Amino acid sequence: MDLWNALFSYRVSHQRTSLTRDESLCAYARERVKEHVERLKTLSSDQEPLDAHAGFKRDADSGALFEKTGFPAVSENLAYLPDSRTATQIIEWGWDTSTSHREAQLSNEWTHGCVVGTRPFYVGLFARR
């Protein structure tokens, strides 16, 4: 809930509309975190910890993303932040420094969302019907 509260405060401070937290998005986000945790266990030295949204794209292309979440439009923010200590650092320092991530978490086009993580991986999902 700390991540959700940090996102809520971040959006309020930027005069954005509120998001409704959605459990189907949270469940999918937790799957994505788990996928990255498992990936890290078998990572070779030349690979990046994040999959560059490959799993998200795979699930979008197959339709599984939309079936699992119930939303026709979904966006994903990923972060690998082993040194972060607080939810605010993840929302405001991790994603705010990337233009596309910042736009996703501040867009008023999104009506629903969820942010979850297990250090060092964090996933934010934003959706609309």
Protein backbone atom coordinates (compact mmCIF):
# COMPACT_ATOMS: atom_id res chain seq x y z
CA MET A 1 0.00 0.00 0.00
CA ASP A 2 2.96 2.32 0.48
CA LEU A 3 3.57 2.35 -3.27
CA TRP A 4 -0.10 3.11 -3.96
CA ASN A 5 -0.12 5.94 -1.41
CA ALA A 6 3.09 7.37 -2.88
CA LEU A 7 1.55 7.29 -6.37
CA PHE A 8 -1.65 8.90 -5.05
CA SER A 9 0.33 11.71 -3.38
CA TYR A 10 2.46 12.18 -6.49
CA ARG A 11 -0.61 12.54 -8.70
CA VAL A 12 -2.26 14.96 -6.26
CA SER A 13 0.88 17.11 -6.14
CA HIS A 14 0.70 17.35 -9.96
CA GLN A 15 -3.06 18.14 -9.97
CA ARG A 16 -4.02 14.90 -11.69
CA THR A 17 -7.26 12.97 -11.40
CA SER A 18 -7.35 10.09 -8.96
CA LEU A 19 -7.00 6.47 -10.02
CA THR A 20 -9.11 3.58 -8.80
CA ARG A 21 -6.98 0.72 -7.46
CA ASP A 22 -7.98 -2.47 -9.25
CA GLU A 23 -7.20 -5.94 -7.90
CA SER A 24 -7.07 -7.58 -11.36
CA LEU A 25 -4.30 -5.13 -12.29
CA CYS A 26 -2.56 -5.85 -8.98
CA ALA A 27 -2.71 -9.60 -9.61
CA TYR A 28 -1.17 -9.19 -13.05
CA ALA A 29 1.47 -6.78 -11.70
CA ARG A 30 2.41 -9.34 -9.03
CA GLU A 31 2.82 -11.95 -11.81
CA ARG A 32 5.17 -9.59 -13.63
CA VAL A 33 7.22 -8.97 -10.47
CA LYS A 34 7.48 -12.73 -9.91
CA GLU A 35 8.51 -13.21 -13.55
CA HIS A 36 11.38 -10.74 -13.06
CA VAL A 37 12.46 -12.29 -9.76
CA GLU A 38 12.67 -15.69 -11.49
CA ARG A 39 14.46 -14.15 -14.47
CA LEU A 40 17.10 -12.66 -12.16
CA LYS A 41 17.97 -16.14 -10.85
CA THR A 42 19.08 -17.31 -14.30
CA LEU A 43 20.38 -14.04 -15.73
CA SER A 44 23.67 -14.14 -17.59
CA SER A 45 26.19 -11.34 -17.06
CA ASP A 46 25.37 -9.71 -20.40
CA GLN A 47 21.60 -9.47 -19.74
CA GLU A 48 19.70 -6.62 -18.15
CA PRO A 49 17.55 -7.37 -15.07
CA LEU A 50 14.39 -6.01 -16.75
CA ASP A 51 12.88 -7.71 -19.78
CA ALA A 52 12.20 -4.39 -21.57
CA HIS A 53 8.45 -5.15 -21.32
CA ALA A 54 8.83 -8.37 -23.35
CA GLY A 55 6.50 -10.32 -21.05
CA PHE A 56 3.94 -7.52 -21.13
CA LYS A 57 4.11 -7.39 -24.94
CA ARG A 58 3.83 -11.20 -25.11
CA ASP A 59 0.68 -11.11 -22.97
CA ALA A 60 -0.79 -8.17 -24.89
CA ASP A 61 -0.15 -9.86 -28.25
CA SER A 62 -1.75 -13.12 -27.08
CA GLY A 63 -4.68 -11.29 -25.44
CA ALA A 64 -3.87 -12.81 -22.03
CA LEU A 65 -3.20 -9.35 -20.55
CA PHE A 66 -6.68 -8.13 -21.42
CA GLU A 67 -8.36 -11.37 -20.32
CA LYS A 68 -6.56 -11.32 -16.96
CA THR A 69 -7.17 -7.65 -16.21
CA GLY A 70 -10.51 -7.04 -17.92
CA PHE A 71 -9.20 -3.81 -19.43
CA PRO A 72 -8.81 -3.11 -23.18
CA ALA A 73 -6.05 -0.52 -22.64
CA VAL A 74 -3.16 -1.08 -20.22
CA SER A 75 0.27 0.50 -19.75
CA GLU A 76 3.19 -0.90 -17.76
CA ASN A 77 5.96 0.82 -15.82
CA LEU A 78 8.89 -1.38 -14.79
CA ALA A 79 11.70 -0.58 -12.41
CA TYR A 80 14.78 -2.34 -11.13
CA LEU A 81 15.87 -0.29 -8.13
CA PRO A 82 18.02 -2.33 -5.73
CA ASP A 83 19.08 0.77 -3.78
CA SER A 84 15.63 2.27 -3.24
CA ARG A 85 14.41 2.34 0.34
CA THR A 86 11.02 4.06 0.16
CA ALA A 87 7.92 4.04 -2.01
CA THR A 88 8.44 7.73 -2.76
CA GLN A 89 11.89 6.99 -4.17
CA ILE A 90 10.39 4.47 -6.58
CA ILE A 91 7.56 6.73 -7.77
CA GLU A 92 9.35 10.07 -7.74
CA TRP A 93 12.97 9.14 -8.40
CA GLY A 94 12.66 5.91 -10.32
CA TRP A 95 9.82 6.55 -12.74
CA ASP A 96 9.71 10.33 -12.69
CA THR A 97 13.17 10.52 -14.27
CA SER A 98 12.00 8.64 -17.38
CA THR A 99 9.75 10.62 -19.73
CA SER A 100 7.58 7.68 -20.80
CA HIS A 101 7.20 6.36 -17.24
CA ARG A 102 6.44 9.85 -15.94
CA GLU A 103 3.79 10.36 -18.62
CA ALA A 104 2.16 7.02 -17.81
CA GLN A 105 1.91 7.68 -14.09
CA LEU A 106 0.66 11.25 -14.58
CA SER A 107 -1.75 10.76 -17.49
CA ASN A 108 -5.38 11.66 -16.82
CA GLU A 109 -6.35 9.18 -19.56
CA TRP A 110 -5.86 6.31 -17.12
CA THR A 111 -8.70 5.65 -14.71
CA HIS A 112 -7.44 2.57 -12.86
CA GLY A 113 -4.10 1.35 -11.64
CA CYS A 114 -1.97 -0.67 -9.28
CA VAL A 115 1.66 -0.47 -8.16
CA VAL A 116 3.39 -3.45 -6.54
CA GLY A 117 6.89 -4.61 -5.92
CA THR A 118 9.37 -6.80 -4.16
CA ARG A 119 12.75 -5.18 -3.95
CA PRO A 120 14.43 -4.75 -6.36
CA PHE A 121 11.56 -5.07 -8.89
CA TYR A 122 8.52 -2.81 -9.15
CA VAL A 123 5.60 -2.82 -11.58
CA GLY A 124 3.03 -0.10 -12.11
CA LEU A 125 0.00 -0.75 -14.28
CA PHE A 126 -2.36 1.92 -15.59
CA ALA A 127 -5.60 1.11 -17.41
CA ARG A 128 -8.87 2.40 -18.79
CA ARG A 129 -12.02 0.85 -20.18
